[in-house]
């Protein structure tokens, strides 16, 4: 298909180039169109945004290849496009069928900046040319609001993912969920926002130098028919926290019961190396923890060690996104000796991959990170006839783009014939809360989920973030930042 790709004249960005490459990979032919912007007020606002980005480049030494960096106007073949228009302009590229993104109900870079300055998860919708029909919608994550160049890049790559998906799918717009489009017509000017974020960043660095950097901790409690996975409520009970020596932190706990013993596998992060390893300890009947010992260390950072049994073997699926692949490990001598079994998926940046079986197939849930994008908001799903593969990406990936309900936060489970999952709610920050979600449909054609509850530690706990929730052996286990 020949696509017309419209952008504001003089404002070609690197993310436009990346989106064009993705669309060409789908088999489309791209014809670029630079559209003059006539609105003087909007031009003034965008000029101030450019001033902020230039100032950031000097202060923070922003690489010149960041997603929001300006590039030379893309080259276009001589022939004319007769397909739909991908409209990334601020005021519209004229009549004709096509798609365009709205950020907080606004077009273009002004809308992206409005979304960046909103403390909540911003609204993103891919609209059809009539301007009233959301074809796809989501809530992108912004991992770095303090540096606009990076935060805008996260929004840009989220829009690119949904635009590519909208062009690649066959569903009718009427069959897709609509998103209320929040309006935020006013907000701080770019330079005022930049000054505020600089002050925030300075204070954060001072706290780190004073030894007040946040650290993850693992905590557990005995269950009494009040599991959060069942009730959707935070319990009125005390947790026991795993002790550390101040030279490391522990996170990502997974429980696995074997031969009557409750085993816990977790990430151990020694500050001296700056690289995660997988460690193990046990919990006795009273809830007392055994000695923590490393069981798997690799040349790169690993974490999120999901452990499961299948066909008589015990497997571990640690996150290893730093290696660019997802590799399965098998217990040669449980629990301390693990051997690499197979690379399940290669050439992918997949965070917190979570395995489960459903409907006679094996499934993997995780969040992917595109170049310059976030690892918090794009849920991708893979399936296979067996854990060893071959693994096939879901036809509707990303299955959702939502900072509140994408990134996995522990094992999936079945209750009353319904499938459930935990996800991180990264609204405004990493692991701000947990989302309890019911999976309403999971097959080769579609995925749908419904939010059941949002779990946030009560203020009395002093806990600010929570990352995972798992259970087993009569215990419930989490990790948190105080």
Protein backbone atom coordinates (compact mmCIF):
# COMPACT_ATOMS: atom_id res chain seq x y z
CA UNK A 1 0.00 0.00 0.00
CA UNK A 2 1.23 3.52 -0.78
CA UNK A 3 0.98 5.70 2.33
CA UNK A 4 1.17 9.47 2.60
CA UNK A 5 3.20 10.37 5.69
CA UNK A 6 2.56 13.99 6.74
CA UNK A 7 4.53 16.00 9.30
CA UNK A 8 4.98 19.67 10.22
CA UNK A 9 7.38 21.40 7.87
CA UNK A 10 10.83 21.81 9.42
CA UNK A 11 9.97 19.38 12.24
CA UNK A 12 10.97 15.97 10.90
CA UNK A 13 11.97 13.82 13.89
CA UNK A 14 13.98 10.65 14.23
CA UNK A 15 10.91 8.78 15.48
CA UNK A 16 9.17 9.64 12.20
CA UNK A 17 12.05 7.91 10.44
CA UNK A 18 11.71 4.84 12.67
CA UNK A 19 7.96 4.65 12.12
CA UNK A 20 8.50 4.90 8.38
CA UNK A 21 10.98 2.02 8.52
CA UNK A 22 8.48 -0.11 10.51
CA UNK A 23 5.74 0.58 7.96
CA UNK A 24 8.04 -0.27 5.08
CA UNK A 25 8.82 -3.55 6.87
CA UNK A 26 5.06 -4.25 6.76
CA UNK A 27 5.21 -3.87 2.98
CA UNK A 28 3.99 -0.27 2.66
CA UNK A 29 5.49 2.36 0.39
CA UNK A 30 6.02 5.68 2.19
CA UNK A 31 5.60 9.10 0.55
CA UNK A 32 6.49 11.98 2.85
CA UNK A 33 4.69 15.32 2.89
CA UNK A 34 5.91 18.40 4.77
CA UNK A 35 2.89 20.53 5.74
CA UNK A 36 3.39 24.26 6.54
CA UNK A 37 2.11 25.33 9.96
CA UNK A 38 0.30 28.70 9.84
CA UNK A 39 -0.90 29.14 13.44
CA UNK A 40 1.45 31.75 14.94
CA UNK A 41 0.50 30.94 18.52
CA UNK A 42 1.24 27.28 17.99
CA UNK A 43 4.48 28.10 16.18
CA UNK A 44 5.58 30.17 19.17
CA UNK A 45 4.76 27.33 21.58
CA UNK A 46 6.69 24.82 19.47
CA UNK A 47 9.63 27.22 19.23
CA UNK A 48 9.76 27.29 23.04
CA UNK A 49 9.69 23.51 23.06
CA UNK A 50 12.68 23.51 20.71
CA UNK A 51 14.46 25.88 23.10
CA UNK A 52 13.85 23.46 25.97
CA UNK A 53 15.16 20.50 23.97
CA UNK A 54 18.27 22.45 22.95
CA UNK A 55 18.89 23.47 26.56
CA UNK A 56 18.52 19.88 27.73
CA UNK A 57 20.98 18.71 25.09
CA UNK A 58 23.62 20.98 26.63
CA UNK A 59 22.81 20.31 30.29
CA UNK A 60 22.31 16.54 30.11
CA UNK A 61 24.48 15.75 27.05
CA UNK A 62 21.51 14.20 25.24
CA UNK A 63 22.70 11.93 22.38
CA UNK A 64 22.03 13.39 18.96
CA UNK A 65 20.22 10.22 17.88
CA UNK A 66 17.40 10.44 20.46
CA UNK A 67 13.84 9.83 19.26
CA UNK A 68 12.87 13.50 19.26
CA UNK A 69 16.01 14.78 17.53
CA UNK A 70 15.37 16.74 14.36
CA UNK A 71 16.54 15.13 11.13
CA UNK A 72 16.82 16.20 7.52
CA UNK A 73 13.49 15.98 5.67
CA UNK A 74 12.90 12.38 4.58
CA UNK A 75 13.25 11.68 0.88
CA UNK A 76 10.15 10.71 -1.11
CA UNK A 77 9.86 8.83 -4.41
CA UNK A 78 8.48 10.79 -7.36
CA UNK A 79 5.24 8.82 -7.60
CA UNK A 80 2.18 9.94 -5.65
CA UNK A 81 0.64 8.00 -2.78
CA UNK A 82 -2.92 6.81 -3.28
CA UNK A 83 -3.34 5.14 0.13
CA UNK A 84 -4.31 6.56 3.53
CA UNK A 85 -2.45 9.39 5.21
CA UNK A 86 -0.45 8.93 8.42
CA UNK A 87 -0.99 12.42 9.75
CA UNK A 88 1.51 13.56 12.41
CA UNK A 89 0.91 17.26 11.84
CA UNK A 90 -0.28 19.78 14.41
CA UNK A 91 -3.21 21.10 12.39
CA UNK A 92 -4.10 18.32 9.99
CA UNK A 93 -2.90 17.59 6.47
CA UNK A 94 -6.17 18.21 4.65
CA UNK A 95 -8.98 15.94 3.44
CA UNK A 96 -8.50 12.26 2.77
CA UNK A 97 -8.74 8.96 4.54
CA UNK A 98 -6.09 8.25 7.11
CA UNK A 99 -5.03 7.94 10.73
CA UNK A 100 -3.66 10.43 13.23
CA UNK A 101 -2.69 10.27 16.93
CA UNK A 102 -4.25 12.38 19.66
CA UNK A 103 -2.39 12.98 22.92
CA UNK A 104 -4.67 14.20 25.70
CA UNK A 105 -7.16 15.01 22.96
CA UNK A 106 -4.66 17.19 21.05
CA UNK A 107 -2.71 16.77 17.84
CA UNK A 108 0.97 16.99 17.21
CA UNK A 109 3.85 18.00 19.43
CA UNK A 110 1.73 20.39 21.48
CA UNK A 111 -0.43 17.43 22.45
CA UNK A 112 2.65 15.36 23.25
CA UNK A 113 3.95 18.11 25.53
CA UNK A 114 0.55 18.37 27.25
CA UNK A 115 0.67 14.61 27.86
CA UNK A 116 4.23 14.87 29.21
CA UNK A 117 3.25 17.46 31.79
CA UNK A 118 0.18 15.57 33.01
CA UNK A 119 1.08 13.62 36.18
CA UNK A 120 -1.34 10.81 35.35
CA UNK A 121 -1.02 8.21 32.61
CA UNK A 122 -1.73 10.22 29.45
CA UNK A 123 -4.40 9.27 26.98
CA UNK A 124 -3.33 8.28 23.46
CA UNK A 125 -5.81 7.51 20.70
CA UNK A 126 -5.28 6.65 17.05
CA UNK A 127 -8.13 8.33 15.25
CA UNK A 128 -9.68 7.72 11.86
CA UNK A 129 -9.87 10.57 9.37
CA UNK A 130 -13.35 11.64 10.51
CA UNK A 131 -11.78 12.74 13.79
CA UNK A 132 -14.43 11.04 15.94
CA UNK A 133 -13.64 7.34 15.78
CA UNK A 134 -10.83 5.92 17.96
CA UNK A 135 -9.33 2.99 16.05
CA UNK A 136 -6.94 2.08 18.87
CA UNK A 137 -6.33 3.60 22.29
CA UNK A 138 -3.96 3.30 25.20
CA UNK A 139 -2.22 4.89 28.16
CA UNK A 140 1.52 5.24 27.42
CA UNK A 141 4.11 5.15 30.16
CA UNK A 142 6.53 8.03 30.59
CA UNK A 143 9.57 6.67 32.40
CA UNK A 144 11.47 9.94 32.45
CA UNK A 145 9.46 13.14 32.86
CA UNK A 146 12.46 15.05 34.15
CA UNK A 147 14.10 15.12 30.71
CA UNK A 148 11.58 16.13 28.05
CA UNK A 149 13.65 14.67 25.20
CA UNK A 150 13.29 11.19 26.69
CA UNK A 151 9.72 11.55 27.93
CA UNK A 152 8.56 12.77 24.53
CA UNK A 153 10.44 9.85 22.98
CA UNK A 154 8.43 7.41 25.10
CA UNK A 155 5.20 8.99 23.89
CA UNK A 156 6.41 9.01 20.29
CA UNK A 157 7.30 5.33 20.28
CA UNK A 158 3.96 4.43 21.87
CA UNK A 159 2.19 6.31 19.07
CA UNK A 160 4.40 4.60 16.49
CA UNK A 161 3.51 1.16 17.89
CA UNK A 162 -0.23 1.83 17.76
CA UNK A 163 -0.07 3.38 14.29
CA UNK A 164 1.79 0.35 12.95
CA UNK A 165 -0.71 -1.95 14.64
CA UNK A 166 -3.68 0.00 13.29
CA UNK A 167 -2.39 -0.39 9.74
CA UNK A 168 -1.61 -4.06 10.22
CA UNK A 169 -4.88 -5.26 11.70
CA UNK A 170 -8.11 -6.26 9.98
CA UNK A 171 -10.65 -5.43 12.70
CA UNK A 172 -13.22 -2.76 12.04
CA UNK A 173 -12.98 0.38 14.17
CA UNK A 174 -16.49 -0.24 15.49
CA UNK A 175 -15.31 -3.52 17.04
CA UNK A 176 -12.56 -1.86 19.07
CA UNK A 177 -12.80 -0.28 22.53
CA UNK A 178 -13.13 3.48 22.59
CA UNK A 179 -11.14 5.63 25.01
CA UNK A 180 -12.46 8.79 26.67
CA UNK A 181 -10.17 11.51 25.42
CA UNK A 182 -9.12 13.82 28.29
CA UNK A 183 -8.58 17.43 27.37
CA UNK A 184 -5.78 19.47 28.86
CA UNK A 185 -5.69 22.66 26.84
CA UNK A 186 -3.38 24.55 29.17
CA UNK A 187 -0.32 23.76 31.23
CA UNK A 188 3.14 25.08 32.02
CA UNK A 189 5.23 26.59 29.26
CA UNK A 190 8.10 24.37 28.08
CA UNK A 191 10.79 26.51 29.72
CA UNK A 192 8.94 26.72 33.05
CA UNK A 193 8.44 22.97 32.95
CA UNK A 194 12.13 22.41 32.15
CA UNK A 195 13.23 24.55 35.09
CA UNK A 196 10.88 22.66 37.43
CA UNK A 197 12.16 19.27 36.24
CA UNK A 198 15.78 20.39 36.59
CA UNK A 199 15.12 21.28 40.23
CA UNK A 200 13.46 17.89 40.76
CA UNK A 201 16.42 16.09 39.20
CA UNK A 202 18.93 18.01 41.34
CA UNK A 203 17.05 17.09 44.52
CA UNK A 204 16.88 13.44 43.46
CA UNK A 205 20.65 13.36 42.88
CA UNK A 206 21.30 14.96 46.26
CA UNK A 207 19.21 12.29 47.97
CA UNK A 208 21.18 9.57 46.16
CA UNK A 209 24.49 11.09 47.28
CA UNK A 210 23.17 11.21 50.82
CA UNK A 211 22.56 7.45 50.69
CA UNK A 212 18.80 7.74 50.38
CA UNK A 213 18.38 6.00 47.04
CA UNK A 214 15.33 3.69 46.97
CA UNK A 215 15.97 -0.02 47.42
CA UNK A 216 13.67 -2.96 46.83
CA UNK A 217 12.89 -5.35 49.67
CA UNK A 218 11.09 -8.70 49.86
CA UNK A 219 8.31 -9.34 52.38
CA UNK A 220 5.88 -12.20 53.05
CA UNK A 221 3.03 -13.19 55.33
CA UNK A 222 0.98 -16.25 56.27
CA UNK A 223 -2.30 -16.61 54.39
CA UNK A 224 -5.62 -16.95 56.23
CA UNK A 225 -8.16 -17.18 53.40
CA UNK A 226 -7.41 -13.53 52.61
CA UNK A 227 -5.09 -13.68 49.61
CA UNK A 228 -4.98 -10.41 47.69
CA UNK A 229 -5.31 -12.41 44.47
CA UNK A 230 -8.74 -13.59 45.71
CA UNK A 231 -10.06 -10.57 47.59
CA UNK A 232 -8.62 -7.72 45.57
CA UNK A 233 -7.98 -5.98 48.89
CA UNK A 234 -4.85 -5.12 50.82
CA UNK A 235 -4.82 -7.30 53.97
CA UNK A 236 -4.94 -6.08 57.53
CA UNK A 237 -1.84 -8.07 58.42
CA UNK A 238 1.86 -7.62 59.05
CA UNK A 239 4.56 -8.73 56.62
CA UNK A 240 7.98 -10.09 57.49
CA UNK A 241 10.80 -8.42 55.56
CA UNK A 242 13.90 -10.27 54.37
CA UNK A 243 16.99 -8.90 56.09
CA UNK A 244 19.89 -7.54 54.04
CA UNK A 245 23.34 -6.25 54.91
CA UNK A 246 22.99 -2.88 53.20
CA UNK A 247 25.33 -3.98 50.42
CA UNK A 248 22.59 -5.32 48.16
CA UNK A 249 18.87 -5.43 47.67
CA UNK A 250 16.46 -8.29 46.98
CA UNK A 251 13.46 -8.19 44.62
CA UNK A 252 11.20 -10.22 42.28
CA UNK A 253 10.32 -13.11 44.65
CA UNK A 254 8.70 -16.25 43.22
CA UNK A 255 7.52 -19.14 45.41
CA UNK A 256 7.89 -22.74 44.25
CA UNK A 257 6.84 -25.66 46.48
CA UNK A 258 8.80 -28.88 45.96
CA UNK A 259 8.61 -32.05 48.09
CA UNK A 260 6.81 -30.13 50.84
CA UNK A 261 9.42 -27.36 51.08
CA UNK A 262 8.61 -23.75 50.25
CA UNK A 263 11.36 -22.34 48.05
CA UNK A 264 11.75 -18.67 47.15
CA UNK A 265 13.74 -17.55 44.12
CA UNK A 266 14.53 -13.86 43.74
CA UNK A 267 16.78 -11.24 42.21
CA UNK A 268 19.80 -10.28 44.30
CA UNK A 269 21.42 -7.00 43.30
CA UNK A 270 24.86 -6.38 44.83
CA UNK A 271 25.72 -2.68 44.67
CA UNK A 272 29.38 -3.52 44.14
CA UNK A 273 28.73 -5.14 40.76
CA UNK A 274 25.58 -3.31 39.60
CA UNK A 275 24.35 -6.56 38.06
CA UNK A 276 21.47 -8.77 39.19
CA UNK A 277 21.87 -12.47 39.93
CA UNK A 278 19.32 -15.11 40.99
CA UNK A 279 19.35 -16.24 44.61
CA UNK A 280 17.32 -18.69 46.68
CA UNK A 281 16.09 -19.22 50.24
CA UNK A 282 13.43 -21.33 51.96
CA UNK A 283 10.56 -20.54 54.30
CA UNK A 284 9.78 -22.93 57.15
CA UNK A 285 6.33 -23.60 58.58
CA UNK A 286 6.68 -20.64 60.96
CA UNK A 287 7.60 -18.28 58.15
CA UNK A 288 11.27 -18.01 59.08
CA UNK A 289 13.67 -17.55 56.18
CA UNK A 290 16.67 -19.76 55.55
CA UNK A 291 20.06 -18.61 54.29
CA UNK A 292 20.03 -16.69 51.02
CA UNK A 293 22.40 -18.23 48.48
CA UNK A 294 23.12 -17.41 44.81
CA UNK A 295 22.02 -20.12 42.35
CA UNK A 296 22.44 -18.51 38.92
CA UNK A 297 24.82 -15.81 37.74
CA UNK A 298 25.38 -14.79 34.11
CA UNK A 299 27.60 -12.22 32.39
CA UNK A 300 24.60 -9.84 32.20
CA UNK A 301 21.87 -8.64 34.56
CA UNK A 302 19.11 -11.17 35.31
CA UNK A 303 15.99 -10.88 37.45
CA UNK A 304 12.31 -11.97 37.73
CA UNK A 305 13.05 -15.72 38.14
CA UNK A 306 9.76 -17.47 37.47
CA UNK A 307 10.12 -21.18 38.38
CA UNK A 308 7.62 -23.82 37.24
CA UNK A 309 7.30 -27.57 36.71
CA UNK A 310 6.31 -29.13 33.39
CA UNK A 311 6.45 -32.70 32.10
CA UNK A 312 8.56 -33.89 35.04
CA UNK A 313 11.18 -31.13 34.80
CA UNK A 314 11.62 -27.93 36.80
CA UNK A 315 12.38 -24.83 34.77
CA UNK A 316 13.40 -21.25 35.49
CA UNK A 317 12.63 -18.35 33.16
CA UNK A 318 14.72 -15.38 34.33
CA UNK A 319 14.40 -12.00 32.70
CA UNK A 320 17.55 -11.28 30.68
CA UNK A 321 16.50 -8.33 28.53
CA UNK A 322 20.07 -7.00 28.78
CA UNK A 323 21.14 -9.97 26.63
CA UNK A 324 18.50 -9.31 23.95
CA UNK A 325 16.97 -12.77 24.29
CA UNK A 326 14.73 -14.93 26.46
CA UNK A 327 16.41 -18.16 27.57
CA UNK A 328 14.94 -21.09 29.49
CA UNK A 329 16.91 -22.89 32.24
CA UNK A 330 16.34 -26.39 33.62
CA UNK A 331 17.18 -27.62 37.13
CA UNK A 332 19.95 -30.20 36.91
CA UNK A 333 20.09 -30.47 40.70
CA UNK A 334 17.25 -28.50 42.29
CA UNK A 335 17.44 -25.84 43.66
CA UNK A 336 21.09 -24.81 43.26
CA UNK A 337 22.20 -26.10 39.84
CA UNK A 338 20.64 -24.77 36.61
CA UNK A 339 21.62 -25.41 33.01
CA UNK A 340 20.64 -23.42 29.92
CA UNK A 341 17.99 -25.43 28.04
CA UNK A 342 17.04 -23.30 25.04
CA UNK A 343 16.78 -19.73 23.76
CA UNK A 344 13.02 -19.35 23.38
CA UNK A 345 12.95 -15.94 21.69
CA UNK A 346 15.97 -14.15 20.24
CA UNK A 347 16.62 -10.54 19.29
CA UNK A 348 13.98 -9.10 21.61
CA UNK A 349 14.02 -6.74 24.57
CA UNK A 350 11.38 -8.52 26.67
CA UNK A 351 10.79 -7.52 30.30
CA UNK A 352 9.36 -9.77 33.04
CA UNK A 353 8.36 -12.60 30.71
CA UNK A 354 5.77 -14.82 32.42
CA UNK A 355 4.96 -18.38 31.34
CA UNK A 356 1.66 -20.22 31.66
CA UNK A 357 -0.41 -22.93 29.94
CA UNK A 358 -3.95 -22.31 28.73
CA UNK A 359 -6.26 -23.95 26.22
CA UNK A 360 -3.78 -26.70 25.38
CA UNK A 361 -1.00 -24.25 24.45
CA UNK A 362 1.92 -22.56 26.15
CA UNK A 363 1.84 -18.76 26.48
CA UNK A 364 4.34 -16.05 27.33
CA UNK A 365 3.40 -12.56 28.50
CA UNK A 366 5.92 -9.74 28.72
CA UNK A 367 6.51 -6.12 27.85
CA UNK A 368 8.70 -5.17 24.91
CA UNK A 369 10.85 -2.09 24.69
CA UNK A 370 11.29 -0.46 21.32
CA UNK A 371 14.34 1.76 20.74
CA UNK A 372 13.75 5.05 22.66
CA UNK A 373 10.50 3.62 24.06
CA UNK A 374 9.32 2.46 27.49
CA UNK A 375 9.45 -1.07 28.91
CA UNK A 376 6.37 -0.41 31.03
CA UNK A 377 3.44 -0.18 28.65
CA UNK A 378 3.53 -2.53 25.61
CA UNK A 379 2.20 -5.98 26.51
CA UNK A 380 3.23 -8.60 23.96
CA UNK A 381 2.12 -12.23 23.92
CA UNK A 382 3.69 -15.32 22.37
CA UNK A 383 2.34 -18.87 22.10
CA UNK A 384 3.78 -22.31 21.34
CA UNK A 385 2.69 -25.96 21.32
CA UNK A 386 5.39 -26.75 23.90
CA UNK A 387 7.59 -24.78 26.27
CA UNK A 388 10.55 -25.44 23.96
CA UNK A 389 8.68 -23.83 21.08
CA UNK A 390 8.50 -22.78 18.39
CA UNK A 391 7.21 -19.51 19.84
CA UNK A 392 4.98 -17.33 17.65
CA UNK A 393 4.13 -13.67 18.35
CA UNK A 394 0.44 -12.91 18.77
CA UNK A 395 -1.14 -11.46 15.65
CA UNK A 396 -2.48 -8.50 17.65
CA UNK A 397 0.76 -7.43 19.39
CA UNK A 398 1.05 -5.19 21.25
CA UNK A 399 -1.91 -6.84 22.97
CA UNK A 400 -2.39 -3.64 24.95
CA UNK A 401 -0.56 -0.36 25.38
CA UNK A 402 -1.32 0.66 28.93
CA UNK A 403 0.97 1.78 31.74
CA UNK A 404 -1.63 0.57 34.24
CA UNK A 405 -2.11 -2.98 32.97
CA UNK A 406 0.74 -4.21 30.77
CA UNK A 407 3.95 -5.21 32.56
CA UNK A 408 3.59 -8.59 34.34
CA UNK A 409 3.85 -8.68 38.11
CA UNK A 410 3.97 -12.40 38.95
CA UNK A 411 2.46 -15.77 38.13
CA UNK A 412 -0.88 -16.09 36.37
CA UNK A 413 -3.57 -18.34 37.88
CA UNK A 414 -7.03 -19.83 37.36
CA UNK A 415 -9.92 -19.35 39.79
CA UNK A 416 -13.51 -20.52 39.17
CA UNK A 417 -12.57 -21.35 35.56
CA UNK A 418 -11.38 -17.77 34.96
CA UNK A 419 -7.80 -16.79 34.15
CA UNK A 420 -6.20 -13.95 36.12
CA UNK A 421 -2.95 -12.02 36.02
CA UNK A 422 -1.18 -9.35 38.01
CA UNK A 423 0.30 -6.32 36.26
CA UNK A 424 2.31 -3.37 37.43
CA UNK A 425 0.51 -0.06 37.50
CA UNK A 426 3.29 2.30 36.41
CA UNK A 427 1.15 5.43 36.42
CA UNK A 428 3.67 8.17 37.05
CA UNK A 429 6.31 5.84 38.48
CA UNK A 430 7.65 2.29 38.23
CA UNK A 431 5.50 -0.12 40.26
CA UNK A 432 3.29 2.57 41.80
CA UNK A 433 0.63 -0.11 42.43
CA UNK A 434 -0.58 -3.52 41.23
CA UNK A 435 -3.50 -4.20 38.91
CA UNK A 436 -5.52 -7.38 39.37
CA UNK A 437 -6.86 -8.32 35.93
CA UNK A 438 -9.25 -10.98 34.65
CA UNK A 439 -8.39 -12.36 31.21
CA UNK A 440 -11.68 -12.49 29.32
CA UNK A 441 -10.28 -13.84 26.07
CA UNK A 442 -6.97 -15.43 25.12
CA UNK A 443 -6.59 -17.25 21.82
CA UNK A 444 -4.66 -16.92 18.58
CA UNK A 445 -6.93 -14.14 17.34
CA UNK A 446 -7.54 -11.84 20.29
CA UNK A 447 -6.75 -10.88 23.87
CA UNK A 448 -9.05 -8.99 26.23
CA UNK A 449 -8.69 -8.27 29.94
CA UNK A 450 -10.73 -6.45 32.59
CA UNK A 451 -9.43 -4.57 35.62
CA UNK A 452 -10.79 -6.17 38.81
CA UNK A 453 -8.91 -4.21 41.48
CA UNK A 454 -6.00 -1.86 42.05
CA UNK A 455 -3.77 -2.79 44.99
CA UNK A 456 -1.86 0.00 46.70
CA UNK A 457 -0.07 -0.37 50.05
CA UNK A 458 -1.88 1.61 52.75
CA UNK A 459 -0.12 4.82 53.85
CA UNK A 460 0.56 3.30 57.28
CA UNK A 461 3.02 0.83 55.73
CA UNK A 462 5.26 3.60 54.43
CA UNK A 463 5.69 1.62 51.22
CA UNK A 464 5.78 3.74 48.06
CA UNK A 465 6.02 1.13 45.31
CA UNK A 466 5.19 -2.54 44.87
CA UNK A 467 6.49 -4.67 42.01
CA UNK A 468 5.32 -8.31 42.23
CA UNK A 469 2.79 -10.46 44.07
CA UNK A 470 2.99 -14.26 44.27
CA UNK A 471 1.73 -16.99 46.58
CA UNK A 472 2.35 -20.64 47.44
CA UNK A 473 3.00 -22.94 50.37
CA UNK A 474 0.50 -20.99 52.49
CA UNK A 475 2.38 -17.71 52.02
CA UNK A 476 1.93 -14.50 50.08
CA UNK A 477 5.10 -12.69 48.99
CA UNK A 478 5.80 -9.26 47.52
CA UNK A 479 8.60 -6.79 46.94
CA UNK A 480 8.36 -3.10 47.79
CA UNK A 481 10.20 0.19 48.18
CA UNK A 482 9.81 2.05 51.46
